[in-house]
Amino acid sequence: MPAKILIVFVLFLIIASLGTALVYLLKDRNRSPRTVKALTFRISMSIGLFFFLLLGYQAGLLRPHGLHPGIARVQANAGVTVPNAAVSRDNP
């Protein structure tokens, strides 16, 4: 659960940084480097989040799932062809 909270927090930071860069872009007419710094921060946070997701998946802290994992299981039991990624790992 703490990993999910961290992910949501970082996403909010990324969006806030993007908004900050937009404000700096519109207000700073004297070619201030603040816009570039805000966008650089956003990019570094995005890359960091990406690597955190990769490491969290590898370490078993995060598990990928579908929006409705129960539906895939019902469809698989009914004989409907479902891609392998949609079937839960818990019930082979």
N, C-alpha and C. Protein backbone atom coordinates (compact mmCIF):
# COMPACT_ATOMS: atom_id res chain seq x y z
N MET A 1 0.80 -1.20 0.00
CA MET A 1 0.00 0.00 0.00
C MET A 1 0.85 1.27 0.00
N PRO A 2 1.98 1.31 0.76
CA PRO A 2 2.80 2.52 0.72
C PRO A 2 3.38 2.79 -0.67
N ALA A 3 3.63 1.74 -1.45
CA ALA A 3 4.16 1.94 -2.79
C ALA A 3 3.13 2.65 -3.67
N LYS A 4 1.88 2.27 -3.53
CA LYS A 4 0.83 2.91 -4.32
C LYS A 4 0.66 4.38 -3.94
N ILE A 5 0.77 4.67 -2.65
CA ILE A 5 0.67 6.05 -2.20
C ILE A 5 1.83 6.86 -2.76
N LEU A 6 3.02 6.28 -2.77
CA LEU A 6 4.19 6.96 -3.33
C LEU A 6 4.00 7.23 -4.82
N ILE A 7 3.45 6.27 -5.54
CA ILE A 7 3.23 6.44 -6.98
C ILE A 7 2.26 7.59 -7.24
N VAL A 8 1.16 7.64 -6.49
CA VAL A 8 0.18 8.71 -6.67
C VAL A 8 0.79 10.06 -6.30
N PHE A 9 1.59 10.10 -5.24
CA PHE A 9 2.25 11.35 -4.84
C PHE A 9 3.20 11.85 -5.92
N VAL A 10 3.97 10.95 -6.50
CA VAL A 10 4.91 11.35 -7.56
C VAL A 10 4.15 11.82 -8.79
N LEU A 11 3.03 11.18 -9.11
CA LEU A 11 2.22 11.63 -10.24
C LEU A 11 1.70 13.05 -10.01
N PHE A 12 1.27 13.34 -8.78
CA PHE A 12 0.84 14.71 -8.47
C PHE A 12 2.00 15.69 -8.58
N LEU A 13 3.19 15.29 -8.15
CA LEU A 13 4.36 16.15 -8.31
C LEU A 13 4.66 16.43 -9.78
N ILE A 14 4.52 15.42 -10.62
CA ILE A 14 4.78 15.58 -12.05
C ILE A 14 3.78 16.57 -12.65
N ILE A 15 2.51 16.43 -12.30
CA ILE A 15 1.48 17.34 -12.83
C ILE A 15 1.70 18.75 -12.31
N ALA A 16 2.06 18.89 -11.03
CA ALA A 16 2.32 20.21 -10.47
C ALA A 16 3.52 20.87 -11.14
N SER A 17 4.53 20.10 -11.42
CA SER A 17 5.71 20.65 -12.09
C SER A 17 5.37 21.10 -13.51
N LEU A 18 4.52 20.35 -14.18
CA LEU A 18 4.09 20.74 -15.52
C LEU A 18 3.29 22.05 -15.47
N GLY A 19 2.41 22.17 -14.48
CA GLY A 19 1.66 23.42 -14.31
C GLY A 19 2.57 24.59 -13.98
N THR A 20 3.55 24.35 -13.14
CA THR A 20 4.51 25.39 -12.78
C THR A 20 5.29 25.85 -14.01
N ALA A 21 5.68 24.91 -14.84
CA ALA A 21 6.41 25.27 -16.06
C ALA A 21 5.54 26.12 -16.98
N LEU A 22 4.25 25.80 -17.05
CA LEU A 22 3.34 26.60 -17.87
C LEU A 22 3.22 28.01 -17.35
N VAL A 23 3.11 28.16 -16.05
CA VAL A 23 3.03 29.51 -15.46
C VAL A 23 4.31 30.29 -15.73
N TYR A 24 5.45 29.66 -15.54
CA TYR A 24 6.72 30.34 -15.81
C TYR A 24 6.84 30.72 -17.28
N LEU A 25 6.35 29.86 -18.16
CA LEU A 25 6.42 30.14 -19.59
C LEU A 25 5.58 31.35 -19.95
N LEU A 26 4.42 31.47 -19.33
CA LEU A 26 3.53 32.59 -19.65
C LEU A 26 3.94 33.90 -18.98
N LYS A 27 4.50 33.83 -17.77
CA LYS A 27 4.82 35.05 -17.01
C LYS A 27 6.21 35.60 -17.28
N ASP A 28 7.19 34.72 -17.45
CA ASP A 28 8.57 35.18 -17.61
C ASP A 28 8.81 35.60 -19.06
N ARG A 29 8.93 36.86 -19.28
CA ARG A 29 9.19 37.38 -20.63
C ARG A 29 10.68 37.63 -20.86
N ASN A 30 11.48 37.54 -19.82
CA ASN A 30 12.91 37.85 -19.96
C ASN A 30 13.77 36.60 -20.11
N ARG A 31 13.23 35.56 -20.68
CA ARG A 31 13.95 34.32 -20.97
C ARG A 31 14.60 33.72 -19.72
N SER A 32 13.81 33.61 -18.69
CA SER A 32 14.29 33.03 -17.44
C SER A 32 14.45 31.50 -17.58
N PRO A 33 15.42 30.92 -16.91
CA PRO A 33 15.62 29.46 -17.00
C PRO A 33 14.66 28.67 -16.11
N ARG A 34 13.70 29.33 -15.46
CA ARG A 34 12.81 28.62 -14.54
C ARG A 34 11.93 27.60 -15.26
N THR A 35 11.51 27.91 -16.49
CA THR A 35 10.68 26.97 -17.25
C THR A 35 11.47 25.70 -17.54
N VAL A 36 12.70 25.86 -17.95
CA VAL A 36 13.54 24.70 -18.27
C VAL A 36 13.80 23.87 -17.02
N LYS A 37 14.02 24.52 -15.90
CA LYS A 37 14.26 23.79 -14.65
C LYS A 37 13.02 23.01 -14.23
N ALA A 38 11.84 23.61 -14.37
CA ALA A 38 10.60 22.91 -14.00
C ALA A 38 10.37 21.71 -14.91
N LEU A 39 10.63 21.86 -16.19
CA LEU A 39 10.45 20.75 -17.12
C LEU A 39 11.50 19.66 -16.90
N THR A 40 12.71 20.07 -16.56
CA THR A 40 13.76 19.09 -16.25
C THR A 40 13.40 18.29 -15.01
N PHE A 41 12.84 18.96 -14.01
CA PHE A 41 12.38 18.28 -12.80
C PHE A 41 11.27 17.28 -13.15
N ARG A 42 10.35 17.68 -14.02
CA ARG A 42 9.26 16.80 -14.42
C ARG A 42 9.79 15.56 -15.13
N ILE A 43 10.72 15.76 -16.03
CA ILE A 43 11.28 14.62 -16.77
C ILE A 43 12.03 13.68 -15.83
N SER A 44 12.80 14.23 -14.91
CA SER A 44 13.55 13.38 -13.99
C SER A 44 12.60 12.62 -13.06
N MET A 45 11.51 13.24 -12.63
CA MET A 45 10.54 12.54 -11.80
C MET A 45 9.84 11.42 -12.60
N SER A 46 9.56 11.67 -13.86
CA SER A 46 8.93 10.65 -14.71
C SER A 46 9.86 9.45 -14.90
N ILE A 47 11.11 9.72 -15.16
CA ILE A 47 12.09 8.63 -15.33
C ILE A 47 12.27 7.87 -14.02
N GLY A 48 12.35 8.60 -12.91
CA GLY A 48 12.46 7.95 -11.61
C GLY A 48 11.26 7.08 -11.29
N LEU A 49 10.06 7.57 -11.62
CA LEU A 49 8.86 6.77 -11.39
C LEU A 49 8.86 5.52 -12.26
N PHE A 50 9.30 5.66 -13.49
CA PHE A 50 9.37 4.50 -14.39
C PHE A 50 10.30 3.43 -13.81
N PHE A 51 11.47 3.82 -13.35
CA PHE A 51 12.40 2.85 -12.78
C PHE A 51 11.88 2.28 -11.46
N PHE A 52 11.18 3.10 -10.68
CA PHE A 52 10.57 2.59 -9.46
C PHE A 52 9.53 1.52 -9.77
N LEU A 53 8.73 1.75 -10.81
CA LEU A 53 7.74 0.76 -11.22
C LEU A 53 8.41 -0.53 -11.68
N LEU A 54 9.49 -0.40 -12.45
CA LEU A 54 10.21 -1.59 -12.90
C LEU A 54 10.79 -2.37 -11.72
N LEU A 55 11.45 -1.67 -10.82
CA LEU A 55 12.06 -2.33 -9.67
C LEU A 55 11.01 -2.90 -8.73
N GLY A 56 9.90 -2.18 -8.56
CA GLY A 56 8.82 -2.68 -7.71
C GLY A 56 8.20 -3.94 -8.27
N TYR A 57 8.08 -4.01 -9.59
CA TYR A 57 7.55 -5.22 -10.22
C TYR A 57 8.54 -6.37 -10.06
N GLN A 58 9.82 -6.11 -10.27
CA GLN A 58 10.83 -7.15 -10.15
C GLN A 58 10.95 -7.66 -8.71
N ALA A 59 10.79 -6.76 -7.74
CA ALA A 59 10.91 -7.15 -6.34
C ALA A 59 9.64 -7.79 -5.79
N GLY A 60 8.56 -7.72 -6.56
CA GLY A 60 7.30 -8.30 -6.11
C GLY A 60 6.45 -7.36 -5.27
N LEU A 61 6.85 -6.10 -5.17
CA LEU A 61 6.06 -5.13 -4.41
C LEU A 61 4.81 -4.72 -5.18
N LEU A 62 4.90 -4.71 -6.49
CA LEU A 62 3.79 -4.30 -7.34
C LEU A 62 3.43 -5.46 -8.26
N ARG A 63 2.14 -5.67 -8.43
CA ARG A 63 1.67 -6.72 -9.34
C ARG A 63 0.76 -6.08 -10.38
N PRO A 64 1.00 -6.35 -11.64
CA PRO A 64 0.09 -5.83 -12.66
C PRO A 64 -1.24 -6.57 -12.60
N HIS A 65 -2.29 -5.84 -12.90
CA HIS A 65 -3.61 -6.46 -12.92
C HIS A 65 -4.49 -5.69 -13.91
N GLY A 66 -5.55 -6.33 -14.33
CA GLY A 66 -6.51 -5.68 -15.21
C GLY A 66 -7.48 -4.84 -14.41
N LEU A 67 -8.32 -4.13 -15.09
CA LEU A 67 -9.32 -3.33 -14.39
C LEU A 67 -10.34 -4.23 -13.69
N HIS A 68 -10.69 -5.33 -14.33
CA HIS A 68 -11.63 -6.28 -13.76
C HIS A 68 -11.07 -7.69 -13.91
N PRO A 69 -10.16 -8.11 -13.03
CA PRO A 69 -9.52 -9.41 -13.19
C PRO A 69 -10.51 -10.57 -13.11
N GLY A 70 -11.64 -10.41 -12.41
CA GLY A 70 -12.62 -11.47 -12.32
C GLY A 70 -13.30 -11.76 -13.64
N ILE A 71 -13.46 -10.76 -14.48
CA ILE A 71 -14.11 -10.95 -15.78
C ILE A 71 -13.26 -11.85 -16.67
N ALA A 72 -11.97 -11.67 -16.67
CA ALA A 72 -11.09 -12.50 -17.49
C ALA A 72 -11.19 -13.96 -17.06
N ARG A 73 -11.28 -14.20 -15.77
CA ARG A 73 -11.37 -15.55 -15.26
C ARG A 73 -12.69 -16.20 -15.69
N VAL A 74 -13.79 -15.44 -15.63
CA VAL A 74 -15.09 -15.95 -16.04
C VAL A 74 -15.09 -16.25 -17.53
N GLN A 75 -14.52 -15.35 -18.33
CA GLN A 75 -14.46 -15.57 -19.77
C GLN A 75 -13.60 -16.79 -20.10
N ALA A 76 -12.51 -16.98 -19.38
CA ALA A 76 -11.63 -18.12 -19.63
C ALA A 76 -12.35 -19.43 -19.30
N ASN A 77 -13.13 -19.42 -18.24
CA ASN A 77 -13.87 -20.62 -17.86
C ASN A 77 -15.02 -20.91 -18.82
N ALA A 78 -15.55 -19.88 -19.50
CA ALA A 78 -16.66 -20.05 -20.42
C ALA A 78 -16.18 -20.49 -21.80
N GLY A 79 -14.88 -20.60 -22.01
CA GLY A 79 -14.35 -21.02 -23.30
C GLY A 79 -14.08 -19.88 -24.25
N VAL A 80 -14.17 -18.64 -23.78
CA VAL A 80 -13.88 -17.48 -24.61
C VAL A 80 -12.37 -17.31 -24.69
N THR A 81 -11.86 -17.04 -25.87
CA THR A 81 -10.43 -16.85 -26.05
C THR A 81 -10.03 -15.52 -25.44
N VAL A 82 -9.11 -15.56 -24.48
CA VAL A 82 -8.65 -14.38 -23.77
C VAL A 82 -7.14 -14.33 -23.89
N PRO A 83 -6.55 -13.15 -24.14
CA PRO A 83 -5.08 -13.07 -24.17
C PRO A 83 -4.49 -13.51 -22.84
N ASN A 84 -3.30 -14.07 -22.87
CA ASN A 84 -2.64 -14.57 -21.66
C ASN A 84 -2.45 -13.51 -20.61
N ALA A 85 -2.24 -12.26 -21.02
CA ALA A 85 -2.00 -11.18 -20.06
C ALA A 85 -3.24 -10.88 -19.24
N ALA A 86 -4.42 -11.19 -19.77
CA ALA A 86 -5.66 -10.87 -19.07
C ALA A 86 -6.01 -11.92 -18.02
N VAL A 87 -5.44 -13.10 -18.08
CA VAL A 87 -5.76 -14.16 -17.13
C VAL A 87 -4.89 -13.96 -15.89
N SER A 88 -5.50 -14.05 -14.75
CA SER A 88 -4.80 -13.85 -13.49
C SER A 88 -3.76 -14.95 -13.27
N ARG A 89 -2.64 -14.61 -12.65
CA ARG A 89 -1.60 -15.59 -12.34
C ARG A 89 -2.00 -16.48 -11.17
N ASP A 90 -2.92 -15.99 -10.33
CA ASP A 90 -3.30 -16.73 -9.15
C ASP A 90 -4.03 -18.03 -9.48
N ASN A 91 -4.87 -18.02 -10.51
CA ASN A 91 -5.62 -19.19 -10.92
C ASN A 91 -5.25 -19.57 -12.34
N PRO A 92 -4.32 -20.50 -12.51
CA PRO A 92 -3.89 -20.86 -13.87
C PRO A 92 -4.94 -21.62 -14.63
